[in-house]
Amino acid sequence: MEEYTPDVVSIFDEEGNEHLFEELDRIETENGKYVALLPLSESEEELSDEENELIILKVFEENDELYLEPIEDEKEFNEVGEIFEERLSEMFIFEEEVE
């Protein structure tokens, strides 16, 4: 049986702290390119439910460097989120957000 090795993405926040994520999927729409990430930790117990949530970011390129940024537009976020939810539904159980 082949061993699973995740695609790991390293992201630095404004304070320069490194955060590791597993890249689960990527898509491209007419609005841009997007990635779906899941936070990584040394052990499953280290992640709270909030930290174990799927993170969706927009990919943009500047000076031949790739950057990730939050999706500010709610409509765009919801559309992209639905695409990822459908594509990843076999791997994950998605909970409906209660307002």
C-alpha atoms as a PDB file:
ATOM      1  CA  MET A   1       0.000   0.000   0.000  1.00  0.00           C
ATOM      2  CA  GLU A   2       1.325   3.435  -0.965  1.00  0.00           C
ATOM      3  CA  GLU A   3       2.003   5.836   1.917  1.00  0.00           C
ATOM      4  CA  TYR A   4       0.094   9.114   1.844  1.00  0.00           C
ATOM      5  CA  THR A   5       2.230  12.261   1.878  1.00  0.00           C
ATOM      6  CA  PRO A   6       0.263  15.511   2.035  1.00  0.00           C
ATOM      7  CA  ASP A   7       1.091  18.631   0.034  1.00  0.00           C
ATOM      8  CA  VAL A   8       2.289  20.993   2.760  1.00  0.00           C
ATOM      9  CA  VAL A   9       1.989  24.766   2.384  1.00  0.00           C
ATOM     10  CA  SER A  10       3.930  27.119   4.649  1.00  0.00           C
ATOM     11  CA  ILE A  11       2.315  30.514   5.311  1.00  0.00           C
ATOM     12  CA  PHE A  12       3.811  33.393   7.279  1.00  0.00           C
ATOM     13  CA  ASP A  13       1.472  35.790   9.097  1.00  0.00           C
ATOM     14  CA  GLU A  14       1.975  39.530   9.681  1.00  0.00           C
ATOM     15  CA  GLU A  15       4.144  38.832  12.759  1.00  0.00           C
ATOM     16  CA  GLY A  16       6.412  36.480  10.790  1.00  0.00           C
ATOM     17  CA  ASN A  17       5.082  33.312  12.444  1.00  0.00           C
ATOM     18  CA  GLU A  18       5.066  30.238  10.207  1.00  0.00           C
ATOM     19  CA  HIS A  19       1.883  28.154   9.926  1.00  0.00           C
ATOM     20  CA  LEU A  20       1.715  24.804   8.131  1.00  0.00           C
ATOM     21  CA  PHE A  21      -1.292  23.642   6.146  1.00  0.00           C
ATOM     22  CA  GLU A  22      -2.184  20.641   4.040  1.00  0.00           C
ATOM     23  CA  GLU A  23      -3.359  21.662   0.577  1.00  0.00           C
ATOM     24  CA  LEU A  24      -6.481  19.606  -0.072  1.00  0.00           C
ATOM     25  CA  ASP A  25      -7.575  20.998  -3.415  1.00  0.00           C
ATOM     26  CA  ARG A  26      -7.161  23.884  -5.836  1.00  0.00           C
ATOM     27  CA  ILE A  27      -9.512  25.284  -8.429  1.00  0.00           C
ATOM     28  CA  GLU A  28      -9.626  28.022 -11.031  1.00  0.00           C
ATOM     29  CA  THR A  29     -12.782  29.980 -11.896  1.00  0.00           C
ATOM     30  CA  GLU A  30     -13.409  33.068 -14.013  1.00  0.00           C
ATOM     31  CA  ASN A  31     -12.763  35.106 -10.833  1.00  0.00           C
ATOM     32  CA  GLY A  32      -9.339  33.619 -10.070  1.00  0.00           C
ATOM     33  CA  LYS A  33      -7.438  30.725  -8.529  1.00  0.00           C
ATOM     34  CA  TYR A  34      -8.206  29.325  -5.068  1.00  0.00           C
ATOM     35  CA  VAL A  35      -6.854  26.737  -2.628  1.00  0.00           C
ATOM     36  CA  ALA A  36      -8.507  24.771   0.162  1.00  0.00           C
ATOM     37  CA  LEU A  37      -6.210  24.239   3.147  1.00  0.00           C
ATOM     38  CA  LEU A  38      -6.389  22.358   6.430  1.00  0.00           C
ATOM     39  CA  PRO A  39      -4.151  23.366   9.380  1.00  0.00           C
ATOM     40  CA  LEU A  40      -1.446  20.840  10.283  1.00  0.00           C
ATOM     41  CA  SER A  41      -0.177  20.064  13.768  1.00  0.00           C
ATOM     42  CA  GLU A  42       2.059  17.508  15.400  1.00  0.00           C
ATOM     43  CA  SER A  43      -0.973  15.628  16.731  1.00  0.00           C
ATOM     44  CA  GLU A  44      -4.716  15.678  16.173  1.00  0.00           C
ATOM     45  CA  GLU A  45      -5.314  16.593  19.826  1.00  0.00           C
ATOM     46  CA  GLU A  46      -3.467  19.899  19.395  1.00  0.00           C
ATOM     47  CA  LEU A  47      -6.099  21.342  17.062  1.00  0.00           C
ATOM     48  CA  SER A  48      -9.304  22.788  18.444  1.00  0.00           C
ATOM     49  CA  ASP A  49     -12.501  22.486  16.369  1.00  0.00           C
ATOM     50  CA  GLU A  50     -12.042  26.072  15.230  1.00  0.00           C
ATOM     51  CA  GLU A  51      -8.454  25.430  14.118  1.00  0.00           C
ATOM     52  CA  ASN A  52      -9.498  22.255  12.310  1.00  0.00           C
ATOM     53  CA  GLU A  53     -11.696  24.134   9.841  1.00  0.00           C
ATOM     54  CA  LEU A  54     -11.184  24.230   6.109  1.00  0.00           C
ATOM     55  CA  ILE A  55      -9.504  27.464   5.017  1.00  0.00           C
ATOM     56  CA  ILE A  56     -10.169  28.839   1.550  1.00  0.00           C
ATOM     57  CA  LEU A  57      -7.788  31.441   0.145  1.00  0.00           C
ATOM     58  CA  LYS A  58      -7.387  33.238  -3.165  1.00  0.00           C
ATOM     59  CA  VAL A  59      -4.088  32.842  -5.027  1.00  0.00           C
ATOM     60  CA  PHE A  60      -2.479  35.814  -6.723  1.00  0.00           C
ATOM     61  CA  GLU A  61       0.871  36.377  -8.372  1.00  0.00           C
ATOM     62  CA  GLU A  62       3.072  39.414  -7.984  1.00  0.00           C
ATOM     63  CA  ASN A  63       6.626  39.730  -9.326  1.00  0.00           C
ATOM     64  CA  ASP A  64       6.722  35.990 -10.126  1.00  0.00           C
ATOM     65  CA  GLU A  65       5.869  35.149  -6.477  1.00  0.00           C
ATOM     66  CA  LEU A  66       2.652  33.380  -5.418  1.00  0.00           C
ATOM     67  CA  TYR A  67       0.662  34.846  -2.532  1.00  0.00           C
ATOM     68  CA  LEU A  68      -2.477  33.749  -0.695  1.00  0.00           C
ATOM     69  CA  GLU A  69      -5.082  36.159   0.612  1.00  0.00           C
ATOM     70  CA  PRO A  70      -8.484  35.907   2.293  1.00  0.00           C
ATOM     71  CA  ILE A  71     -11.528  36.278   0.051  1.00  0.00           C
ATOM     72  CA  GLU A  72     -13.140  39.549   1.125  1.00  0.00           C
ATOM     73  CA  ASP A  73     -16.256  39.370  -1.077  1.00  0.00           C
ATOM     74  CA  GLU A  74     -18.934  37.243   0.639  1.00  0.00           C
ATOM     75  CA  LYS A  75     -20.615  36.193  -2.623  1.00  0.00           C
ATOM     76  CA  GLU A  76     -17.293  35.122  -4.148  1.00  0.00           C
ATOM     77  CA  PHE A  77     -16.368  33.243  -0.934  1.00  0.00           C
ATOM     78  CA  ASN A  78     -19.716  31.407  -0.857  1.00  0.00           C
ATOM     79  CA  GLU A  79     -19.481  30.411  -4.539  1.00  0.00           C
ATOM     80  CA  VAL A  80     -15.929  29.092  -4.167  1.00  0.00           C
ATOM     81  CA  GLY A  81     -16.813  27.424  -0.852  1.00  0.00           C
ATOM     82  CA  GLU A  82     -19.677  25.513  -2.483  1.00  0.00           C
ATOM     83  CA  ILE A  83     -17.364  24.242  -5.227  1.00  0.00           C
ATOM     84  CA  PHE A  84     -14.795  23.001  -2.700  1.00  0.00           C
ATOM     85  CA  GLU A  85     -17.522  21.504  -0.504  1.00  0.00           C
ATOM     86  CA  GLU A  86     -18.849  19.492  -3.441  1.00  0.00           C
ATOM     87  CA  ARG A  87     -15.356  18.391  -4.543  1.00  0.00           C
ATOM     88  CA  LEU A  88     -14.253  17.415  -1.017  1.00  0.00           C
ATOM     89  CA  SER A  89     -17.544  15.934   0.221  1.00  0.00           C
ATOM     90  CA  GLU A  90     -16.252  12.363  -0.016  1.00  0.00           C
ATOM     91  CA  MET A  91     -13.303  13.177   2.293  1.00  0.00           C
ATOM     92  CA  PHE A  92     -15.059  15.411   4.850  1.00  0.00           C
ATOM     93  CA  ILE A  93     -18.360  15.982   6.600  1.00  0.00           C
ATOM     94  CA  PHE A  94     -19.354  19.632   6.328  1.00  0.00           C
ATOM     95  CA  GLU A  95     -21.477  21.183   9.037  1.00  0.00           C
ATOM     96  CA  GLU A  96     -23.968  23.887   8.217  1.00  0.00           C
ATOM     97  CA  GLU A  97     -23.084  27.201   9.813  1.00  0.00           C
ATOM     98  CA  VAL A  98     -25.726  28.344  12.299  1.00  0.00           C
ATOM     99  CA  GLU A  99     -26.282  32.087  12.634  1.00  0.00           C
END
